[in-house]
Amino acid sequence: MKSFRVVSAVLICASLTLAGCGGGDDTTAESAPSPSSATSAPAASASSAPAPSAPAGGASDKELCESVKKAGNDMKASVVTALQADPAAAPEAFRKVLTELESKLTALAATGGDTAVTTAIQAFTSEAAKAAKAADPASAADNPAFEKAGTDLAAACKKAGVEVNF
């Protein structure tokens, strides 16, 4: 019964998140029109300090967070698709999705500097890896440490000007 509740909650959250991502809100696109103009974005932003958001030789916090947002949206879509295809395969679907997310975000964190965003990504990937290795990944992901890692990542990205939701 608990597994069903967790699966239902994830489906509802994923559906609501995906519904919120569709179409109408282009504020993120307006604040970062294209990756090619991202190099001028830190200089144009008066509210963010250039040093932490633009590490030498690495991706800026905003670029990292935009990639995190895309990976998170991809993950949510994968969960919904997998559960619609075969609800009985939920544990394996969650394992696969969490493993892929952990892999993508670990590689992404390696491109960042020593910033709060990079630290938050690393903490989140650590929790995702733990949950992916559990017998029931969905239940393992339903814990305060994973929730805190997601909240911390969302807060760090919000400071960089990107809304993410984990």
N, C-alpha and C. Protein backbone atom coordinates (compact mmCIF):
# COMPACT_ATOMS: atom_id res chain seq x y z
N MET A 1 0.83 -1.19 0.00
CA MET A 1 0.00 0.00 0.00
C MET A 1 0.87 1.25 0.00
N LYS A 2 1.96 1.24 0.78
CA LYS A 2 2.85 2.40 0.82
C LYS A 2 3.48 2.63 -0.55
N SER A 3 3.87 1.54 -1.22
CA SER A 3 4.46 1.66 -2.54
C SER A 3 3.48 2.31 -3.51
N PHE A 4 2.21 1.91 -3.45
CA PHE A 4 1.20 2.50 -4.31
C PHE A 4 1.06 3.99 -4.02
N ARG A 5 1.08 4.36 -2.75
CA ARG A 5 0.96 5.76 -2.36
C ARG A 5 2.12 6.57 -2.89
N VAL A 6 3.33 6.02 -2.80
CA VAL A 6 4.51 6.71 -3.29
C VAL A 6 4.45 6.86 -4.81
N VAL A 7 4.09 5.78 -5.50
CA VAL A 7 3.98 5.83 -6.96
C VAL A 7 2.92 6.84 -7.37
N SER A 8 1.78 6.85 -6.68
CA SER A 8 0.73 7.81 -7.00
C SER A 8 1.20 9.23 -6.77
N ALA A 9 1.89 9.45 -5.67
CA ALA A 9 2.39 10.79 -5.37
C ALA A 9 3.40 11.24 -6.42
N VAL A 10 4.28 10.36 -6.83
CA VAL A 10 5.28 10.71 -7.86
C VAL A 10 4.58 11.03 -9.17
N LEU A 11 3.61 10.22 -9.55
CA LEU A 11 2.87 10.49 -10.79
C LEU A 11 2.17 11.84 -10.75
N ILE A 12 1.54 12.13 -9.63
CA ILE A 12 0.84 13.40 -9.49
C ILE A 12 1.83 14.55 -9.56
N CYS A 13 2.93 14.45 -8.81
CA CYS A 13 3.94 15.51 -8.82
C CYS A 13 4.54 15.68 -10.21
N ALA A 14 4.88 14.59 -10.85
CA ALA A 14 5.46 14.66 -12.19
C ALA A 14 4.48 15.27 -13.17
N SER A 15 3.23 14.87 -13.08
CA SER A 15 2.22 15.42 -13.99
C SER A 15 2.02 16.91 -13.77
N LEU A 16 1.93 17.32 -12.52
CA LEU A 16 1.76 18.74 -12.21
C LEU A 16 2.97 19.55 -12.64
N THR A 17 4.16 19.00 -12.40
CA THR A 17 5.37 19.70 -12.78
C THR A 17 5.46 19.83 -14.29
N LEU A 18 5.16 18.76 -15.00
CA LEU A 18 5.20 18.81 -16.46
C LEU A 18 4.13 19.75 -17.00
N ALA A 19 2.97 19.75 -16.38
CA ALA A 19 1.91 20.65 -16.82
C ALA A 19 2.33 22.10 -16.60
N GLY A 20 3.04 22.35 -15.52
CA GLY A 20 3.52 23.70 -15.23
C GLY A 20 4.64 24.12 -16.16
N CYS A 21 5.33 23.18 -16.77
CA CYS A 21 6.44 23.51 -17.65
C CYS A 21 5.99 23.78 -19.07
N GLY A 22 4.79 23.46 -19.41
CA GLY A 22 4.36 23.56 -20.79
C GLY A 22 3.99 24.95 -21.23
N GLY A 23 4.57 25.40 -22.31
CA GLY A 23 4.12 26.52 -23.09
C GLY A 23 4.16 27.91 -22.53
N GLY A 24 3.22 28.32 -21.70
CA GLY A 24 2.95 29.70 -21.42
C GLY A 24 4.03 30.52 -20.78
N ASP A 25 4.86 30.03 -19.95
CA ASP A 25 5.83 30.82 -19.20
C ASP A 25 7.18 30.81 -19.90
N ASP A 26 7.50 31.91 -20.53
CA ASP A 26 8.78 32.00 -21.24
C ASP A 26 9.76 32.90 -20.51
N THR A 27 9.57 33.13 -19.21
CA THR A 27 10.46 34.03 -18.48
C THR A 27 11.88 33.51 -18.45
N THR A 28 12.08 32.19 -18.36
CA THR A 28 13.43 31.64 -18.36
C THR A 28 14.08 31.88 -19.71
N ALA A 29 13.33 31.72 -20.79
CA ALA A 29 13.88 31.93 -22.12
C ALA A 29 14.25 33.39 -22.31
N GLU A 30 13.47 34.30 -21.73
CA GLU A 30 13.78 35.71 -21.87
C GLU A 30 15.02 36.08 -21.08
N SER A 31 15.23 35.46 -19.93
CA SER A 31 16.39 35.81 -19.13
C SER A 31 17.66 35.17 -19.66
N ALA A 32 17.54 34.12 -20.44
CA ALA A 32 18.70 33.48 -21.06
C ALA A 32 18.32 33.11 -22.48
N PRO A 33 18.38 34.06 -23.41
CA PRO A 33 17.89 33.82 -24.74
C PRO A 33 18.58 32.68 -25.50
N SER A 34 19.84 32.51 -25.30
CA SER A 34 20.53 31.43 -26.00
C SER A 34 21.83 31.11 -25.30
N PRO A 35 22.34 29.89 -25.48
CA PRO A 35 23.61 29.53 -24.86
C PRO A 35 24.75 30.42 -25.33
N SER A 36 24.70 30.91 -26.56
CA SER A 36 25.79 31.74 -27.06
C SER A 36 25.86 33.08 -26.35
N SER A 37 24.71 33.57 -25.84
CA SER A 37 24.75 34.84 -25.13
C SER A 37 24.91 34.63 -23.63
N ALA A 38 25.07 33.39 -23.20
CA ALA A 38 25.23 33.11 -21.78
C ALA A 38 26.52 33.68 -21.23
N THR A 39 27.53 33.85 -22.06
CA THR A 39 28.79 34.41 -21.57
C THR A 39 28.62 35.86 -21.18
N SER A 40 27.67 36.57 -21.78
CA SER A 40 27.45 37.96 -21.40
C SER A 40 26.42 38.08 -20.28
N ALA A 41 25.69 37.02 -19.97
CA ALA A 41 24.66 37.07 -18.95
C ALA A 41 25.19 37.41 -17.57
N PRO A 42 26.31 36.84 -17.09
CA PRO A 42 26.78 37.22 -15.77
C PRO A 42 27.17 38.69 -15.68
N ALA A 43 27.74 39.24 -16.73
CA ALA A 43 28.13 40.64 -16.71
C ALA A 43 26.91 41.54 -16.73
N ALA A 44 25.83 41.11 -17.38
CA ALA A 44 24.63 41.92 -17.48
C ALA A 44 23.80 41.87 -16.21
N SER A 45 23.99 40.89 -15.39
CA SER A 45 23.21 40.74 -14.18
C SER A 45 23.83 41.53 -13.03
N ALA A 46 23.13 42.58 -12.60
CA ALA A 46 23.66 43.40 -11.52
C ALA A 46 23.43 42.77 -10.16
N SER A 47 22.49 41.83 -10.06
CA SER A 47 22.15 41.26 -8.76
C SER A 47 23.03 40.08 -8.37
N SER A 48 23.78 39.51 -9.32
CA SER A 48 24.62 38.37 -8.97
C SER A 48 26.09 38.74 -9.05
N ALA A 49 26.85 38.21 -8.13
CA ALA A 49 28.28 38.47 -8.12
C ALA A 49 28.95 37.63 -9.20
N PRO A 50 29.79 38.20 -10.06
CA PRO A 50 30.40 37.45 -11.14
C PRO A 50 31.28 36.29 -10.69
N ALA A 51 32.00 36.43 -9.61
CA ALA A 51 32.94 35.38 -9.21
C ALA A 51 32.26 34.03 -8.95
N PRO A 52 31.22 33.95 -8.08
CA PRO A 52 30.64 32.64 -7.84
C PRO A 52 29.80 32.11 -8.99
N SER A 53 29.25 32.99 -9.83
CA SER A 53 28.39 32.50 -10.90
C SER A 53 29.14 32.26 -12.20
N ALA A 54 30.39 32.65 -12.27
CA ALA A 54 31.15 32.45 -13.49
C ALA A 54 32.56 31.97 -13.16
N PRO A 55 32.71 30.69 -12.76
CA PRO A 55 34.02 30.18 -12.43
C PRO A 55 34.92 30.15 -13.66
N ALA A 56 36.19 30.40 -13.45
CA ALA A 56 37.15 30.41 -14.55
C ALA A 56 37.20 29.06 -15.24
N GLY A 57 36.93 29.07 -16.54
CA GLY A 57 37.05 27.85 -17.33
C GLY A 57 35.90 26.87 -17.18
N GLY A 58 34.90 27.18 -16.36
CA GLY A 58 33.80 26.24 -16.15
C GLY A 58 32.48 26.86 -16.52
N ALA A 59 31.44 26.06 -16.38
CA ALA A 59 30.10 26.54 -16.66
C ALA A 59 29.65 27.48 -15.55
N SER A 60 28.87 28.49 -15.91
CA SER A 60 28.34 29.40 -14.90
C SER A 60 27.25 28.69 -14.11
N ASP A 61 26.92 29.23 -12.95
CA ASP A 61 25.84 28.65 -12.14
C ASP A 61 24.53 28.63 -12.93
N LYS A 62 24.28 29.68 -13.66
CA LYS A 62 23.04 29.75 -14.44
C LYS A 62 23.02 28.64 -15.50
N GLU A 63 24.13 28.43 -16.18
CA GLU A 63 24.20 27.36 -17.18
C GLU A 63 24.01 25.99 -16.52
N LEU A 64 24.64 25.80 -15.38
CA LEU A 64 24.48 24.54 -14.65
C LEU A 64 23.01 24.32 -14.29
N CYS A 65 22.40 25.35 -13.75
CA CYS A 65 21.01 25.22 -13.31
C CYS A 65 20.05 25.00 -14.48
N GLU A 66 20.32 25.64 -15.60
CA GLU A 66 19.48 25.39 -16.78
C GLU A 66 19.61 23.94 -17.22
N SER A 67 20.80 23.39 -17.14
CA SER A 67 21.01 21.98 -17.49
C SER A 67 20.37 21.06 -16.45
N VAL A 68 20.44 21.44 -15.18
CA VAL A 68 19.79 20.67 -14.11
C VAL A 68 18.29 20.66 -14.34
N LYS A 69 17.74 21.80 -14.69
CA LYS A 69 16.30 21.90 -14.93
C LYS A 69 15.90 20.98 -16.08
N LYS A 70 16.66 20.99 -17.16
CA LYS A 70 16.36 20.12 -18.30
C LYS A 70 16.45 18.65 -17.89
N ALA A 71 17.50 18.29 -17.15
CA ALA A 71 17.65 16.90 -16.70
C ALA A 71 16.49 16.49 -15.80
N GLY A 72 16.07 17.39 -14.93
CA GLY A 72 14.94 17.11 -14.03
C GLY A 72 13.64 16.93 -14.80
N ASN A 73 13.42 17.78 -15.79
CA ASN A 73 12.21 17.65 -16.61
C ASN A 73 12.24 16.35 -17.42
N ASP A 74 13.41 16.01 -17.94
CA ASP A 74 13.56 14.74 -18.66
C ASP A 74 13.27 13.56 -17.74
N MET A 75 13.78 13.65 -16.49
CA MET A 75 13.57 12.58 -15.52
C MET A 75 12.08 12.42 -15.23
N LYS A 76 11.40 13.51 -15.00
CA LYS A 76 9.97 13.45 -14.69
C LYS A 76 9.19 12.86 -15.86
N ALA A 77 9.54 13.26 -17.07
CA ALA A 77 8.86 12.71 -18.25
C ALA A 77 9.13 11.21 -18.38
N SER A 78 10.36 10.80 -18.09
CA SER A 78 10.71 9.37 -18.15
C SER A 78 9.92 8.55 -17.14
N VAL A 79 9.76 9.10 -15.93
CA VAL A 79 9.00 8.40 -14.90
C VAL A 79 7.55 8.23 -15.33
N VAL A 80 6.95 9.30 -15.82
CA VAL A 80 5.56 9.24 -16.25
C VAL A 80 5.41 8.23 -17.39
N THR A 81 6.29 8.30 -18.38
CA THR A 81 6.22 7.38 -19.52
C THR A 81 6.37 5.93 -19.06
N ALA A 82 7.35 5.67 -18.21
CA ALA A 82 7.60 4.30 -17.74
C ALA A 82 6.42 3.76 -16.95
N LEU A 83 5.84 4.58 -16.09
CA LEU A 83 4.73 4.12 -15.27
C LEU A 83 3.45 3.96 -16.07
N GLN A 84 3.29 4.76 -17.10
CA GLN A 84 2.12 4.59 -17.96
C GLN A 84 2.25 3.30 -18.77
N ALA A 85 3.48 2.98 -19.17
CA ALA A 85 3.71 1.78 -19.98
C ALA A 85 3.53 0.51 -19.16
N ASP A 86 4.05 0.49 -17.92
CA ASP A 86 3.99 -0.72 -17.10
C ASP A 86 4.12 -0.36 -15.62
N PRO A 87 3.00 -0.07 -14.95
CA PRO A 87 3.06 0.30 -13.53
C PRO A 87 3.73 -0.75 -12.65
N ALA A 88 3.66 -2.01 -13.05
CA ALA A 88 4.28 -3.08 -12.25
C ALA A 88 5.80 -2.99 -12.27
N ALA A 89 6.34 -2.33 -13.26
CA ALA A 89 7.80 -2.21 -13.38
C ALA A 89 8.33 -0.95 -12.70
N ALA A 90 7.55 -0.37 -11.81
CA ALA A 90 7.93 0.89 -11.17
C ALA A 90 9.29 0.86 -10.50
N PRO A 91 9.62 -0.15 -9.68
CA PRO A 91 10.94 -0.12 -9.03
C PRO A 91 12.10 -0.05 -10.03
N GLU A 92 12.03 -0.85 -11.07
CA GLU A 92 13.11 -0.83 -12.06
C GLU A 92 13.12 0.48 -12.84
N ALA A 93 11.94 1.03 -13.12
CA ALA A 93 11.86 2.30 -13.82
C ALA A 93 12.48 3.42 -12.99
N PHE A 94 12.14 3.45 -11.69
CA PHE A 94 12.73 4.46 -10.81
C PHE A 94 14.24 4.29 -10.71
N ARG A 95 14.70 3.06 -10.62
CA ARG A 95 16.14 2.78 -10.54
C ARG A 95 16.85 3.34 -11.78
N LYS A 96 16.29 3.04 -12.94
CA LYS A 96 16.90 3.49 -14.19
C LYS A 96 16.91 5.01 -14.28
N VAL A 97 15.79 5.63 -13.97
CA VAL A 97 15.68 7.08 -14.06
C VAL A 97 16.62 7.77 -13.06
N LEU A 98 16.66 7.28 -11.83
CA LEU A 98 17.55 7.88 -10.83
C LEU A 98 19.02 7.68 -11.20
N THR A 99 19.35 6.52 -11.74
CA THR A 99 20.73 6.26 -12.15
C THR A 99 21.13 7.19 -13.29
N GLU A 100 20.25 7.37 -14.26
CA GLU A 100 20.55 8.27 -15.39
C GLU A 100 20.66 9.71 -14.91
N LEU A 101 19.77 10.11 -14.01
CA LEU A 101 19.82 11.47 -13.47
C LEU A 101 21.12 11.69 -12.71
N GLU A 102 21.49 10.73 -11.87
CA GLU A 102 22.73 10.84 -11.10
C GLU A 102 23.92 10.95 -12.04
N SER A 103 23.95 10.16 -13.09
CA SER A 103 25.05 10.18 -14.05
C SER A 103 25.14 11.53 -14.77
N LYS A 104 24.00 12.03 -15.25
CA LYS A 104 23.98 13.32 -15.95
C LYS A 104 24.43 14.46 -15.05
N LEU A 105 23.90 14.48 -13.83
CA LEU A 105 24.21 15.59 -12.92
C LEU A 105 25.64 15.51 -12.39
N THR A 106 26.17 14.30 -12.22
CA THR A 106 27.57 14.16 -11.79
C THR A 106 28.49 14.74 -12.86
N ALA A 107 28.23 14.41 -14.12
CA ALA A 107 29.04 14.95 -15.21
C ALA A 107 28.87 16.47 -15.28
N LEU A 108 27.68 16.95 -15.06
CA LEU A 108 27.41 18.38 -15.09
C LEU A 108 28.16 19.10 -13.97
N ALA A 109 28.13 18.54 -12.77
CA ALA A 109 28.81 19.16 -11.63
C ALA A 109 30.32 19.29 -11.89
N ALA A 110 30.86 18.35 -12.63
CA ALA A 110 32.30 18.39 -12.93
C ALA A 110 32.67 19.59 -13.81
N THR A 111 31.69 20.18 -14.49
CA THR A 111 31.97 21.33 -15.35
C THR A 111 31.86 22.65 -14.60
N GLY A 112 31.38 22.61 -13.37
CA GLY A 112 31.20 23.83 -12.59
C GLY A 112 32.40 24.13 -11.72
N GLY A 113 32.38 25.28 -11.13
CA GLY A 113 33.44 25.68 -10.22
C GLY A 113 33.10 25.32 -8.79
N ASP A 114 33.79 25.92 -7.86
CA ASP A 114 33.57 25.68 -6.44
C ASP A 114 32.50 26.66 -5.95
N THR A 115 31.23 26.33 -6.27
CA THR A 115 30.12 27.22 -5.93
C THR A 115 29.04 26.46 -5.17
N ALA A 116 28.09 27.21 -4.66
CA ALA A 116 26.97 26.61 -3.93
C ALA A 116 26.14 25.71 -4.85
N VAL A 117 26.01 26.09 -6.12
CA VAL A 117 25.24 25.29 -7.07
C VAL A 117 25.92 23.94 -7.27
N THR A 118 27.22 23.95 -7.51
CA THR A 118 27.96 22.71 -7.72
C THR A 118 27.87 21.81 -6.49
N THR A 119 28.03 22.39 -5.32
CA THR A 119 27.92 21.63 -4.07
C THR A 119 26.52 21.03 -3.93
N ALA A 120 25.49 21.79 -4.26
CA ALA A 120 24.11 21.30 -4.16
C ALA A 120 23.86 20.17 -5.17
N ILE A 121 24.42 20.30 -6.36
CA ILE A 121 24.27 19.24 -7.37
C ILE A 121 24.93 17.96 -6.85
N GLN A 122 26.12 18.09 -6.27
CA GLN A 122 26.83 16.92 -5.76
C GLN A 122 26.06 16.24 -4.63
N ALA A 123 25.48 17.03 -3.74
CA ALA A 123 24.68 16.45 -2.65
C ALA A 123 23.45 15.74 -3.20
N PHE A 124 22.82 16.35 -4.19
CA PHE A 124 21.63 15.74 -4.79
C PHE A 124 21.98 14.44 -5.50
N THR A 125 23.08 14.43 -6.24
CA THR A 125 23.47 13.21 -6.96
C THR A 125 23.83 12.09 -5.99
N SER A 126 24.40 12.45 -4.86
CA SER A 126 24.72 11.45 -3.85
C SER A 126 23.45 10.77 -3.34
N GLU A 127 22.43 11.56 -3.07
CA GLU A 127 21.16 11.01 -2.60
C GLU A 127 20.46 10.21 -3.70
N ALA A 128 20.55 10.68 -4.93
CA ALA A 128 19.94 9.94 -6.05
C ALA A 128 20.61 8.58 -6.21
N ALA A 129 21.93 8.54 -6.07
CA ALA A 129 22.67 7.28 -6.20
C ALA A 129 22.27 6.31 -5.10
N LYS A 130 22.12 6.81 -3.87
CA LYS A 130 21.69 5.95 -2.75
C LYS A 130 20.32 5.36 -3.03
N ALA A 131 19.40 6.20 -3.48
CA ALA A 131 18.04 5.73 -3.75
C ALA A 131 18.02 4.72 -4.90
N ALA A 132 18.82 4.97 -5.93
CA ALA A 132 18.86 4.07 -7.09
C ALA A 132 19.36 2.68 -6.72
N LYS A 133 20.22 2.59 -5.71
CA LYS A 133 20.79 1.30 -5.31
C LYS A 133 19.87 0.51 -4.37
N ALA A 134 18.83 1.14 -3.87
CA ALA A 134 17.93 0.48 -2.92
C ALA A 134 17.03 -0.53 -3.63
N ALA A 135 16.52 -1.48 -2.86
CA ALA A 135 15.59 -2.48 -3.40
C ALA A 135 14.32 -1.82 -3.94
N ASP A 136 13.85 -0.78 -3.25
CA ASP A 136 12.69 -0.02 -3.69
C ASP A 136 13.12 1.45 -3.82
N PRO A 137 13.59 1.84 -5.00
CA PRO A 137 14.12 3.19 -5.18
C PRO A 137 13.12 4.30 -4.87
N ALA A 138 11.85 4.10 -5.18
CA ALA A 138 10.85 5.14 -4.92
C ALA A 138 10.72 5.40 -3.42
N SER A 139 10.67 4.34 -2.64
CA SER A 139 10.59 4.50 -1.18
C SER A 139 11.87 5.08 -0.63
N ALA A 140 13.01 4.66 -1.18
CA ALA A 140 14.30 5.17 -0.71
C ALA A 140 14.44 6.66 -1.01
N ALA A 141 13.86 7.11 -2.10
CA ALA A 141 13.93 8.53 -2.45
C ALA A 141 12.99 9.37 -1.60
N ASP A 142 12.04 8.71 -0.95
CA ASP A 142 11.08 9.40 -0.10
C ASP A 142 11.65 9.52 1.32
N ASN A 143 12.69 10.36 1.47
CA ASN A 143 13.31 10.53 2.77
C ASN A 143 13.73 11.98 2.95
N PRO A 144 13.91 12.42 4.19
CA PRO A 144 14.25 13.82 4.45
C PRO A 144 15.57 14.27 3.83
N ALA A 145 16.56 13.40 3.77
CA ALA A 145 17.86 13.81 3.21
C ALA A 145 17.73 14.10 1.72
N PHE A 146 16.99 13.26 1.00
CA PHE A 146 16.81 13.48 -0.44
C PHE A 146 15.98 14.74 -0.66
N GLU A 147 14.94 14.92 0.15
CA GLU A 147 14.11 16.11 0.04
C GLU A 147 14.93 17.37 0.30
N LYS A 148 15.78 17.34 1.33
CA LYS A 148 16.62 18.49 1.65
C LYS A 148 17.60 18.77 0.51
N ALA A 149 18.18 17.74 -0.07
CA ALA A 149 19.12 17.92 -1.18
C ALA A 149 18.41 18.59 -2.35
N GLY A 150 17.18 18.17 -2.64
CA GLY A 150 16.41 18.78 -3.72
C GLY A 150 16.05 20.23 -3.42
N THR A 151 15.67 20.49 -2.17
CA THR A 151 15.33 21.85 -1.75
C THR A 151 16.55 22.76 -1.81
N ASP A 152 17.69 22.25 -1.36
CA ASP A 152 18.93 23.03 -1.40
C ASP A 152 19.35 23.34 -2.84
N LEU A 153 19.19 22.36 -3.73
CA LEU A 153 19.52 22.57 -5.14
C LEU A 153 18.58 23.61 -5.75
N ALA A 154 17.31 23.52 -5.45
CA ALA A 154 16.34 24.50 -5.96
C ALA A 154 16.68 25.90 -5.46
N ALA A 155 17.07 26.02 -4.19
CA ALA A 155 17.42 27.33 -3.62
C ALA A 155 18.68 27.90 -4.27
N ALA A 156 19.68 27.05 -4.48
CA ALA A 156 20.92 27.51 -5.10
C ALA A 156 20.66 27.96 -6.53
N CYS A 157 19.84 27.23 -7.25
CA CYS A 157 19.53 27.61 -8.63
C CYS A 157 18.66 28.86 -8.68
N LYS A 158 17.79 29.02 -7.70
CA LYS A 158 16.96 30.23 -7.66
C LYS A 158 17.85 31.46 -7.52
N LYS A 159 18.91 31.35 -6.71
CA LYS A 159 19.84 32.47 -6.56
C LYS A 159 20.57 32.76 -7.87
N ALA A 160 20.71 31.74 -8.71
CA ALA A 160 21.36 31.91 -10.01
C ALA A 160 20.36 32.37 -11.08
N GLY A 161 19.10 32.48 -10.69
CA GLY A 161 18.08 32.98 -11.61
C GLY A 161 17.33 31.91 -12.39
N VAL A 162 17.41 30.66 -11.92
CA VAL A 162 16.74 29.57 -12.63
C VAL A 162 15.85 28.82 -11.63
N GLU A 163 14.58 28.64 -11.99
CA GLU A 163 13.66 27.90 -11.14
C GLU A 163 13.73 26.42 -11.48
N VAL A 164 14.11 25.61 -10.50
CA VAL A 164 14.08 24.16 -10.66
C VAL A 164 13.24 23.59 -9.53
N ASN A 165 12.71 22.39 -9.74
CA ASN A 165 11.87 21.79 -8.72
C ASN A 165 12.16 20.30 -8.63
N PHE A 166 12.74 19.92 -7.52
CA PHE A 166 13.00 18.49 -7.26
C PHE A 166 12.30 18.08 -6.00
